[in-house]
Protein backbone atom coordinates (compact mmCIF):
# COMPACT_ATOMS: atom_id res chain seq x y z
CA UNK A 1 131.30 98.34 111.03
CA UNK A 2 130.70 99.07 107.32
CA UNK A 3 132.02 102.65 107.27
CA UNK A 4 134.02 104.05 104.38
CA UNK A 5 136.81 105.43 106.63
CA UNK A 6 137.10 102.50 109.01
CA UNK A 7 135.53 99.10 108.95
CA UNK A 8 134.82 96.56 106.26
CA UNK A 9 134.49 98.98 103.31
CA UNK A 10 137.73 100.75 104.18
CA UNK A 11 139.57 97.45 104.53
CA UNK A 12 138.32 96.13 101.18
CA UNK A 13 139.04 99.48 99.43
CA UNK A 14 142.59 99.39 100.84
CA UNK A 15 143.19 95.87 99.55
CA UNK A 16 141.36 96.24 96.20
CA UNK A 17 140.74 99.90 95.27
CA UNK A 18 138.70 99.10 92.12
CA UNK A 19 135.83 97.48 94.08
CA UNK A 20 132.58 99.44 94.24
CA UNK A 21 129.81 99.09 96.82
CA UNK A 22 126.06 99.41 96.33
CA UNK A 23 123.29 99.59 98.86
CA UNK A 24 120.88 96.65 98.99
CA UNK A 25 118.21 96.89 96.25
CA UNK A 26 115.41 96.05 98.66
CA UNK A 27 116.39 98.97 100.86
CA UNK A 28 116.33 101.28 97.81
CA UNK A 29 112.80 100.05 97.16
CA UNK A 30 111.73 100.80 100.74
CA UNK A 31 113.29 104.26 100.56
CA UNK A 32 111.50 104.97 97.27
CA UNK A 33 108.20 104.05 98.91
CA UNK A 34 108.75 106.62 101.64
CA UNK A 35 108.88 109.43 99.05
CA UNK A 36 105.93 108.22 96.97
CA UNK A 37 103.83 111.23 95.85
CA UNK A 38 100.92 111.93 98.22
CA UNK A 39 98.28 111.11 95.57
CA UNK A 40 99.76 107.67 94.89
CA UNK A 41 100.36 107.04 98.59
CA UNK A 42 96.66 107.74 99.19
CA UNK A 43 95.69 105.31 96.40
CA UNK A 44 97.89 102.63 97.95
CA UNK A 45 96.31 103.29 101.34
CA UNK A 46 92.81 103.00 99.83
CA UNK A 47 93.71 99.71 98.13
CA UNK A 48 94.94 98.33 101.46
CA UNK A 49 91.63 99.45 103.06
CA UNK A 50 89.66 97.65 100.34
CA UNK A 51 91.66 94.44 100.73
CA UNK A 52 91.44 94.60 104.52
CA UNK A 53 87.68 95.14 104.34
CA UNK A 54 87.17 92.09 102.16
CA UNK A 55 89.74 89.83 103.83
CA UNK A 56 89.19 91.11 107.38
CA UNK A 57 85.84 89.40 107.74
CA UNK A 58 85.36 85.69 107.14
CA UNK A 59 81.86 86.34 105.82
CA UNK A 60 83.04 88.98 103.34
CA UNK A 61 85.90 86.76 102.23
CA UNK A 62 83.59 83.79 101.58
CA UNK A 63 81.01 85.91 99.76
CA UNK A 64 83.72 87.49 97.59
CA UNK A 65 85.24 84.08 96.76
CA UNK A 66 81.83 82.63 95.85
CA UNK A 67 80.98 85.67 93.72
CA UNK A 68 84.32 85.46 91.86
CA UNK A 69 83.91 81.71 91.29
CA UNK A 70 80.43 82.32 89.91
CA UNK A 71 81.70 85.06 87.58
CA UNK A 72 84.67 82.94 86.43
CA UNK A 73 87.35 85.38 87.63
CA UNK A 74 91.02 84.37 87.49
CA UNK A 75 91.61 85.42 91.11
CA UNK A 76 89.16 84.59 93.86
CA UNK A 77 91.28 85.50 96.88
CA UNK A 78 92.92 88.83 97.65
CA UNK A 79 96.39 89.03 99.24
CA UNK A 80 97.10 90.97 102.42
CA UNK A 81 99.77 93.68 102.18
CA UNK A 82 102.53 93.67 104.79
CA UNK A 83 104.56 96.80 105.48
CA UNK A 84 107.78 94.89 106.09
CA UNK A 85 107.76 93.04 102.79
CA UNK A 86 107.72 95.59 99.97
CA UNK A 87 107.60 93.07 97.10
CA UNK A 88 104.19 92.00 98.40
CA UNK A 89 102.88 95.45 97.45
CA UNK A 90 103.11 94.69 93.73
CA UNK A 91 101.34 91.37 94.18
CA UNK A 92 98.55 93.01 96.20
CA UNK A 93 98.03 95.70 93.57
CA UNK A 94 98.04 93.10 90.79
CA UNK A 95 95.42 91.05 92.65
CA UNK A 96 93.25 94.16 93.03
CA UNK A 97 93.55 95.55 89.50
CA UNK A 98 92.75 92.31 87.67
CA UNK A 99 89.40 91.60 89.39
CA UNK A 100 88.60 95.31 89.96
CA UNK A 101 85.15 94.93 88.39
CA UNK A 102 84.31 92.06 90.75
CA UNK A 103 85.56 94.10 93.72
CA UNK A 104 83.41 97.06 92.67
CA UNK A 105 80.41 94.75 92.30
CA UNK A 106 81.06 93.25 95.74
CA UNK A 107 81.29 96.71 97.32
CA UNK A 108 78.17 97.87 95.45
CA UNK A 109 75.88 96.16 97.95
CA UNK A 110 76.91 99.05 100.24
CA UNK A 111 75.58 97.92 103.58
CA UNK A 112 77.78 100.42 105.39
CA UNK A 113 79.07 103.94 104.79
CA UNK A 114 82.60 102.53 104.48
CA UNK A 115 81.53 100.14 101.71
CA UNK A 116 79.82 103.01 99.87
CA UNK A 117 83.01 105.10 100.04
CA UNK A 118 85.17 102.21 98.85
CA UNK A 119 82.69 101.46 96.04
CA UNK A 120 82.90 105.08 94.86
CA UNK A 121 86.69 104.74 94.74
CA UNK A 122 86.51 101.55 92.67
CA UNK A 123 84.05 103.20 90.25
CA UNK A 124 86.36 106.18 89.68
CA UNK A 125 88.34 105.66 86.45
CA UNK A 126 91.21 107.86 87.62
CA UNK A 127 91.56 105.77 90.80
CA UNK A 128 91.63 102.53 88.79
CA UNK A 129 94.24 104.01 86.42
CA UNK A 130 96.42 104.99 89.39
CA UNK A 131 96.11 101.49 90.82
CA UNK A 132 97.12 100.05 87.42
CA UNK A 133 100.07 102.47 87.26
CA UNK A 134 101.22 101.43 90.74
CA UNK A 135 100.80 97.74 89.86
CA UNK A 136 103.00 98.17 86.76
CA UNK A 137 105.54 100.25 88.67
CA UNK A 138 105.90 97.70 91.46
CA UNK A 139 106.02 94.81 88.98
CA UNK A 140 109.00 96.48 87.28
CA UNK A 141 110.72 97.18 90.60
CA UNK A 142 110.15 93.59 91.75
CA UNK A 143 111.57 92.29 88.45
CA UNK A 144 114.61 94.53 88.91
CA UNK A 145 115.14 93.24 92.45
CA UNK A 146 114.86 89.61 91.31
CA UNK A 147 117.31 90.17 88.44
CA UNK A 148 119.79 91.79 90.83
CA UNK A 149 119.50 88.79 93.13
CA UNK A 150 120.18 86.42 90.26
CA UNK A 151 116.83 84.61 90.37
């Protein structure tokens, strides 16, 4: 349907040869995510585990919100990450990196082995730097996508 030899592209190129075609920016973003280096992919996976642990339980979510309110944090609710919507990834990372001290404090109570492992990750400076790097990277990509869409 959109082929370069037959289809829409071929028809348009025949009528106006100076026209150029580009692939959708959102698809480029999704393709870039598939080739993310293994270390950064693991960091992203760990961030999703942390968010799912806090948001997955109503009790954890309420305790985290109350703790953030008490500490005066800017964000009191974490955002779920959805695989189908890549721009949400940048928002999730931003919502994790800004209150990362509150998240580490929440996970410090360490009632389970999983919480202890996640707490160790949030205490690791290299992990936090990688999360910040990913947050900045996805913020730039999201800004690029929005500028290409004209918004």
